PDB file of N, CA and C in Angstrom:
ATOM      1  N   MET A   1      -6.479  79.402   6.033  1.00  0.00           N
ATOM      2  CA  MET A   1      -7.686  79.826   5.356  1.00  0.00           C
ATOM      3  C   MET A   1      -8.385  78.593   4.765  1.00  0.00           C
ATOM      4  N   ILE A   2      -9.682  78.566   4.879  1.00  0.00           N
ATOM      5  CA  ILE A   2     -10.467  77.469   4.312  1.00  0.00           C
ATOM      6  C   ILE A   2     -11.011  77.909   2.960  1.00  0.00           C
ATOM      7  N   ASN A   3     -10.731  77.150   1.927  1.00  0.00           N
ATOM      8  CA  ASN A   3     -11.233  77.448   0.584  1.00  0.00           C
ATOM      9  C   ASN A   3     -12.557  76.714   0.377  1.00  0.00           C
ATOM     10  N   TRP A   4     -13.657  77.385   0.722  1.00  0.00           N
ATOM     11  CA  TRP A   4     -14.982  76.779   0.616  1.00  0.00           C
ATOM     12  C   TRP A   4     -15.405  76.677  -0.840  1.00  0.00           C
ATOM     13  N   ILE A   5     -16.087  75.588  -1.176  1.00  0.00           N
ATOM     14  CA  ILE A   5     -16.622  75.363  -2.517  1.00  0.00           C
ATOM     15  C   ILE A   5     -18.132  75.271  -2.390  1.00  0.00           C
ATOM     16  N   LYS A   6     -18.855  76.050  -3.193  1.00  0.00           N
ATOM     17  CA  LYS A   6     -20.318  75.985  -3.156  1.00  0.00           C
ATOM     18  C   LYS A   6     -20.757  74.612  -3.654  1.00  0.00           C
ATOM     19  N   TYR A   7     -21.598  73.957  -2.865  1.00  0.00           N
ATOM     20  CA  TYR A   7     -22.043  72.608  -3.213  1.00  0.00           C
ATOM     21  C   TYR A   7     -23.049  72.648  -4.350  1.00  0.00           C
ATOM     22  N   ASP A   8     -22.788  71.869  -5.383  1.00  0.00           N
ATOM     23  CA  ASP A   8     -23.667  71.743  -6.536  1.00  0.00           C
ATOM     24  C   ASP A   8     -24.000  70.258  -6.705  1.00  0.00           C
ATOM     25  N   PRO A   9     -25.241  69.831  -6.407  1.00  0.00           N
ATOM     26  CA  PRO A   9     -25.596  68.414  -6.524  1.00  0.00           C
ATOM     27  C   PRO A   9     -25.380  67.849  -7.928  1.00  0.00           C
ATOM     28  N   ALA A  10     -25.415  68.706  -8.937  1.00  0.00           N
ATOM     29  CA  ALA A  10     -25.199  68.241 -10.310  1.00  0.00           C
ATOM     30  C   ALA A  10     -23.723  67.937 -10.579  1.00  0.00           C
ATOM     31  N   ASN A  11     -22.849  68.456  -9.729  1.00  0.00           N
ATOM     32  CA  ASN A  11     -21.409  68.243  -9.878  1.00  0.00           C
ATOM     33  C   ASN A  11     -20.807  67.976  -8.493  1.00  0.00           C
ATOM     34  N   PRO A  12     -21.167  66.846  -7.871  1.00  0.00           N
ATOM     35  CA  PRO A  12     -20.739  66.592  -6.488  1.00  0.00           C
ATOM     36  C   PRO A  12     -19.256  66.236  -6.394  1.00  0.00           C
ATOM     37  N   PRO A  13     -18.677  66.419  -5.203  1.00  0.00           N
ATOM     38  CA  PRO A  13     -17.287  66.011  -5.010  1.00  0.00           C
ATOM     39  C   PRO A  13     -17.175  64.488  -4.927  1.00  0.00           C
ATOM     40  N   THR A  14     -15.961  63.997  -4.832  1.00  0.00           N
ATOM     41  CA  THR A  14     -15.708  62.561  -4.725  1.00  0.00           C
ATOM     42  C   THR A  14     -16.436  61.986  -3.515  1.00  0.00           C
ATOM     43  N   HIS A  15     -17.147  60.882  -3.719  1.00  0.00           N
ATOM     44  CA  HIS A  15     -17.882  60.290  -2.596  1.00  0.00           C
ATOM     45  C   HIS A  15     -16.953  59.470  -1.711  1.00  0.00           C
ATOM     46  N   ASP A  16     -17.419  59.169  -0.512  1.00  0.00           N
ATOM     47  CA  ASP A  16     -16.692  58.384   0.494  1.00  0.00           C
ATOM     48  C   ASP A  16     -15.380  59.034   0.938  1.00  0.00           C
ATOM     49  N   MET A  17     -15.306  60.353   0.866  1.00  0.00           N
ATOM     50  CA  MET A  17     -14.162  61.101   1.394  1.00  0.00           C
ATOM     51  C   MET A  17     -14.684  62.071   2.441  1.00  0.00           C
ATOM     52  N   GLU A  18     -13.821  62.442   3.398  1.00  0.00           N
ATOM     53  CA  GLU A  18     -14.220  63.395   4.426  1.00  0.00           C
ATOM     54  C   GLU A  18     -14.003  64.823   3.945  1.00  0.00           C
ATOM     55  N   TYR A  19     -14.935  65.690   4.315  1.00  0.00           N
ATOM     56  CA  TYR A  19     -14.863  67.112   3.990  1.00  0.00           C
ATOM     57  C   TYR A  19     -15.313  67.915   5.199  1.00  0.00           C
ATOM     58  N   LEU A  20     -14.910  69.177   5.268  1.00  0.00           N
ATOM     59  CA  LEU A  20     -15.546  70.115   6.175  1.00  0.00           C
ATOM     60  C   LEU A  20     -16.795  70.579   5.451  1.00  0.00           C
ATOM     61  N   VAL A  21     -17.905  70.665   6.156  1.00  0.00           N
ATOM     62  CA  VAL A  21     -19.144  71.109   5.521  1.00  0.00           C
ATOM     63  C   VAL A  21     -19.849  72.129   6.399  1.00  0.00           C
ATOM     64  N   ILE A  22     -20.701  72.922   5.770  1.00  0.00           N
ATOM     65  CA  ILE A  22     -21.513  73.886   6.504  1.00  0.00           C
ATOM     66  C   ILE A  22     -22.884  73.959   5.850  1.00  0.00           C
ATOM     67  N   GLU A  23     -23.889  74.102   6.691  1.00  0.00           N
ATOM     68  CA  GLU A  23     -25.254  74.336   6.225  1.00  0.00           C
ATOM     69  C   GLU A  23     -25.527  75.815   6.473  1.00  0.00           C
ATOM     70  N   GLU A  24     -25.100  76.643   5.534  1.00  0.00           N
ATOM     71  CA  GLU A  24     -25.103  78.092   5.704  1.00  0.00           C
ATOM     72  C   GLU A  24     -26.494  78.679   5.912  1.00  0.00           C
ATOM     73  N   ASP A  25     -27.510  78.062   5.357  1.00  0.00           N
ATOM     74  CA  ASP A  25     -28.862  78.608   5.449  1.00  0.00           C
ATOM     75  C   ASP A  25     -29.551  78.293   6.773  1.00  0.00           C
ATOM     76  N   GLU A  26     -28.923  77.495   7.614  1.00  0.00           N
ATOM     77  CA  GLU A  26     -29.514  77.134   8.896  1.00  0.00           C
ATOM     78  C   GLU A  26     -29.211  78.218   9.928  1.00  0.00           C
ATOM     79  N   PRO A  27     -30.195  78.576  10.780  1.00  0.00           N
ATOM     80  CA  PRO A  27     -29.968  79.618  11.785  1.00  0.00           C
ATOM     81  C   PRO A  27     -28.832  79.273  12.750  1.00  0.00           C
ATOM     82  N   GLU A  28     -28.677  78.007  13.069  1.00  0.00           N
ATOM     83  CA  GLU A  28     -27.615  77.580  13.976  1.00  0.00           C
ATOM     84  C   GLU A  28     -26.589  76.751  13.202  1.00  0.00           C
ATOM     85  N   SER A  29     -26.121  77.300  12.087  1.00  0.00           N
ATOM     86  CA  SER A  29     -25.201  76.539  11.237  1.00  0.00           C
ATOM     87  C   SER A  29     -23.903  76.265  11.973  1.00  0.00           C
ATOM     88  N   MET A  30     -23.314  75.131  11.657  1.00  0.00           N
ATOM     89  CA  MET A  30     -22.050  74.753  12.268  1.00  0.00           C
ATOM     90  C   MET A  30     -21.163  74.125  11.207  1.00  0.00           C
ATOM     91  N   ILE A  31     -19.893  74.176  11.471  1.00  0.00           N
ATOM     92  CA  ILE A  31     -18.939  73.501  10.604  1.00  0.00           C
ATOM     93  C   ILE A  31     -18.664  72.144  11.229  1.00  0.00           C
ATOM     94  N   CYS A  32     -18.736  71.104  10.437  1.00  0.00           N
ATOM     95  CA  CYS A  32     -18.441  69.767  10.946  1.00  0.00           C
ATOM     96  C   CYS A  32     -17.800  68.943   9.844  1.00  0.00           C
ATOM     97  N   THR A  33     -17.311  67.767  10.206  1.00  0.00           N
ATOM     98  CA  THR A  33     -16.766  66.870   9.194  1.00  0.00           C
ATOM     99  C   THR A  33     -17.869  65.929   8.741  1.00  0.00           C
ATOM    100  N   ALA A  34     -17.889  65.668   7.454  1.00  0.00           N
ATOM    101  CA  ALA A  34     -18.899  64.774   6.889  1.00  0.00           C
ATOM    102  C   ALA A  34     -18.286  64.072   5.692  1.00  0.00           C
ATOM    103  N   TYR A  35     -18.891  62.968   5.324  1.00  0.00           N
ATOM    104  CA  TYR A  35     -18.439  62.323   4.100  1.00  0.00           C
ATOM    105  C   TYR A  35     -19.560  62.327   3.087  1.00  0.00           C
ATOM    106  N   LYS A  36     -19.161  62.359   1.835  1.00  0.00           N
ATOM    107  CA  LYS A  36     -20.113  62.426   0.732  1.00  0.00           C
ATOM    108  C   LYS A  36     -20.542  61.019   0.371  1.00  0.00           C
ATOM    109  N   HIS A  37     -21.821  60.775   0.472  1.00  0.00           N
ATOM    110  CA  HIS A  37     -22.419  59.495   0.096  1.00  0.00           C
ATOM    111  C   HIS A  37     -22.494  59.428  -1.428  1.00  0.00           C
ATOM    112  N   ARG A  38     -22.691  58.238  -1.975  1.00  0.00           N
ATOM    113  CA  ARG A  38     -22.825  58.092  -3.438  1.00  0.00           C
ATOM    114  C   ARG A  38     -24.025  58.860  -3.986  1.00  0.00           C
ATOM    115  N   ASP A  39     -25.088  58.937  -3.194  1.00  0.00           N
ATOM    116  CA  ASP A  39     -26.274  59.704  -3.588  1.00  0.00           C
ATOM    117  C   ASP A  39     -25.907  61.186  -3.547  1.00  0.00           C
ATOM    118  N   PRO A  40     -26.066  61.939  -4.647  1.00  0.00           N
ATOM    119  CA  PRO A  40     -25.633  63.332  -4.675  1.00  0.00           C
ATOM    120  C   PRO A  40     -26.333  64.245  -3.679  1.00  0.00           C
ATOM    121  N   GLU A  41     -27.443  63.812  -3.104  1.00  0.00           N
ATOM    122  CA  GLU A  41     -28.160  64.652  -2.147  1.00  0.00           C
ATOM    123  C   GLU A  41     -27.780  64.367  -0.694  1.00  0.00           C
ATOM    124  N   ILE A  42     -26.936  63.373  -0.439  1.00  0.00           N
ATOM    125  CA  ILE A  42     -26.708  62.946   0.943  1.00  0.00           C
ATOM    126  C   ILE A  42     -25.278  63.217   1.411  1.00  0.00           C
ATOM    127  N   TRP A  43     -25.178  63.894   2.554  1.00  0.00           N
ATOM    128  CA  TRP A  43     -23.937  64.068   3.310  1.00  0.00           C
ATOM    129  C   TRP A  43     -24.198  63.449   4.674  1.00  0.00           C
ATOM    130  N   ILE A  44     -23.227  62.754   5.238  1.00  0.00           N
ATOM    131  CA  ILE A  44     -23.399  62.104   6.535  1.00  0.00           C
ATOM    132  C   ILE A  44     -22.258  62.539   7.450  1.00  0.00           C
ATOM    133  N   THR A  45     -22.609  62.979   8.681  1.00  0.00           N
ATOM    134  CA  THR A  45     -21.570  63.420   9.610  1.00  0.00           C
ATOM    135  C   THR A  45     -20.675  62.257   9.995  1.00  0.00           C
ATOM    136  N   CYS A  46     -19.414  62.559  10.228  1.00  0.00           N
ATOM    137  CA  CYS A  46     -18.433  61.512  10.541  1.00  0.00           C
ATOM    138  C   CYS A  46     -18.568  60.993  11.967  1.00  0.00           C
ATOM    139  N   HIS A  47     -18.953  61.865  12.892  1.00  0.00           N
ATOM    140  CA  HIS A  47     -18.943  61.448  14.295  1.00  0.00           C
ATOM    141  C   HIS A  47     -20.195  60.707  14.742  1.00  0.00           C
ATOM    142  N   ASP A  48     -21.358  61.045  14.218  1.00  0.00           N
ATOM    143  CA  ASP A  48     -22.573  60.364  14.695  1.00  0.00           C
ATOM    144  C   ASP A  48     -23.480  59.880  13.562  1.00  0.00           C
ATOM    145  N   HIS A  49     -23.011  59.954  12.342  1.00  0.00           N
ATOM    146  CA  HIS A  49     -23.708  59.409  11.165  1.00  0.00           C
ATOM    147  C   HIS A  49     -25.112  59.985  10.971  1.00  0.00           C
ATOM    148  N   VAL A  50     -25.241  61.288  11.179  1.00  0.00           N
ATOM    149  CA  VAL A  50     -26.496  61.994  10.948  1.00  0.00           C
ATOM    150  C   VAL A  50     -26.482  62.536   9.522  1.00  0.00           C
ATOM    151  N   VAL A  51     -27.598  62.424   8.832  1.00  0.00           N
ATOM    152  CA  VAL A  51     -27.705  62.961   7.475  1.00  0.00           C
ATOM    153  C   VAL A  51     -27.863  64.479   7.557  1.00  0.00           C
ATOM    154  N   LEU A  52     -27.075  65.195   6.770  1.00  0.00           N
ATOM    155  CA  LEU A  52     -27.164  66.654   6.691  1.00  0.00           C
ATOM    156  C   LEU A  52     -27.884  67.013   5.395  1.00  0.00           C
ATOM    157  N   PRO A  53     -29.124  67.488   5.483  1.00  0.00           N
ATOM    158  CA  PRO A  53     -29.909  67.702   4.270  1.00  0.00           C
ATOM    159  C   PRO A  53     -29.656  69.011   3.529  1.00  0.00           C
ATOM    160  N   LYS A  54     -29.012  69.988   4.170  1.00  0.00           N
ATOM    161  CA  LYS A  54     -28.917  71.307   3.544  1.00  0.00           C
ATOM    162  C   LYS A  54     -27.489  71.833   3.448  1.00  0.00           C
ATOM    163  N   VAL A  55     -26.540  70.978   3.115  1.00  0.00           N
ATOM    164  CA  VAL A  55     -25.151  71.427   2.974  1.00  0.00           C
ATOM    165  C   VAL A  55     -25.073  72.425   1.824  1.00  0.00           C
ATOM    166  N   THR A  56     -24.477  73.585   2.092  1.00  0.00           N
ATOM    167  CA  THR A  56     -24.347  74.614   1.059  1.00  0.00           C
ATOM    168  C   THR A  56     -22.912  74.761   0.561  1.00  0.00           C
ATOM    169  N   HIS A  57     -21.931  74.445   1.420  1.00  0.00           N
ATOM    170  CA  HIS A  57     -20.526  74.577   1.047  1.00  0.00           C
ATOM    171  C   HIS A  57     -19.720  73.435   1.661  1.00  0.00           C
ATOM    172  N   TYR A  58     -18.634  73.072   0.981  1.00  0.00           N
ATOM    173  CA  TYR A  58     -17.738  72.035   1.500  1.00  0.00           C
ATOM    174  C   TYR A  58     -16.297  72.431   1.197  1.00  0.00           C
ATOM    175  N   ALA A  59     -15.369  71.813   1.921  1.00  0.00           N
ATOM    176  CA  ALA A  59     -13.944  72.046   1.693  1.00  0.00           C
ATOM    177  C   ALA A  59     -13.194  70.740   1.921  1.00  0.00           C
ATOM    178  N   PRO A  60     -12.320  70.366   0.993  1.00  0.00           N
ATOM    179  CA  PRO A  60     -11.506  69.168   1.202  1.00  0.00           C
ATOM    180  C   PRO A  60     -10.607  69.355   2.421  1.00  0.00           C
ATOM    181  N   ILE A  61     -10.335  68.287   3.125  1.00  0.00           N
ATOM    182  CA  ILE A  61      -9.425  68.322   4.267  1.00  0.00           C
ATOM    183  C   ILE A  61      -8.062  67.854   3.770  1.00  0.00           C
ATOM    184  N   ASN A  62      -7.098  68.749   3.787  1.00  0.00           N
ATOM    185  CA  ASN A  62      -5.733  68.427   3.353  1.00  0.00           C
ATOM    186  C   ASN A  62      -4.794  68.596   4.532  1.00  0.00           C
ATOM    187  N   LEU A  63      -4.255  67.498   5.018  1.00  0.00           N
ATOM    188  CA  LEU A  63      -3.333  67.531   6.141  1.00  0.00           C
ATOM    189  C   LEU A  63      -1.906  67.699   5.635  1.00  0.00           C
ATOM    190  N   PRO A  64      -1.027  68.308   6.448  1.00  0.00           N
ATOM    191  CA  PRO A  64       0.363  68.483   6.022  1.00  0.00           C
ATOM    192  C   PRO A  64       0.989  67.146   5.624  1.00  0.00           C
ATOM    193  N   GLY A  65       1.662  67.138   4.495  1.00  0.00           N
ATOM    194  CA  GLY A  65       2.326  65.937   4.019  1.00  0.00           C
ATOM    195  C   GLY A  65       1.423  64.971   3.282  1.00  0.00           C
ATOM    196  N   GLU A  66       0.143  65.294   3.173  1.00  0.00           N
ATOM    197  CA  GLU A  66      -0.806  64.407   2.498  1.00  0.00           C
ATOM    198  C   GLU A  66      -0.711  64.595   0.988  1.00  0.00           C
ATOM    199  N   ASP A  67      -0.748  63.509   0.243  1.00  0.00           N
ATOM    200  CA  ASP A  67      -0.699  63.573  -1.216  1.00  0.00           C
ATOM    201  C   ASP A  67      -2.061  63.998  -1.741  1.00  0.00           C
ATOM    202  N   THR A  68      -2.119  65.152  -2.400  1.00  0.00           N
ATOM    203  CA  THR A  68      -3.383  65.650  -2.948  1.00  0.00           C
ATOM    204  C   THR A  68      -3.324  65.741  -4.467  1.00  0.00           C
ATOM    205  N   SER A  69      -2.375  65.071  -5.075  1.00  0.00           N
ATOM    206  CA  SER A  69      -2.173  65.184  -6.520  1.00  0.00           C
ATOM    207  C   SER A  69      -3.282  64.544  -7.342  1.00  0.00           C
ATOM    208  N   ASN A  70      -4.117  63.693  -6.736  1.00  0.00           N
ATOM    209  CA  ASN A  70      -5.167  63.019  -7.506  1.00  0.00           C
ATOM    210  C   ASN A  70      -6.507  63.727  -7.428  1.00  0.00           C
ATOM    211  N   GLU A  71      -6.548  64.971  -6.995  1.00  0.00           N
ATOM    212  CA  GLU A  71      -7.822  65.700  -6.910  1.00  0.00           C
ATOM    213  C   GLU A  71      -8.158  66.356  -8.219  1.00  0.00           C
TER     214      GLU A  71
END
């Protein structure tokens, strides 16, 4: 199960980390990996470095055995 978090620009997640993201309001929304830029309004896709302007939800990527104690 993916625990989606509603994106709030006033309280952004840690920057320069990868997340699953979705632009829910887009007619052809897709889930992709992106990293959070220092600018609270900017998300950039990991595979082709495209700016995603309308991210509505994100989820941290936690792999088995990964240390997540610092979140």
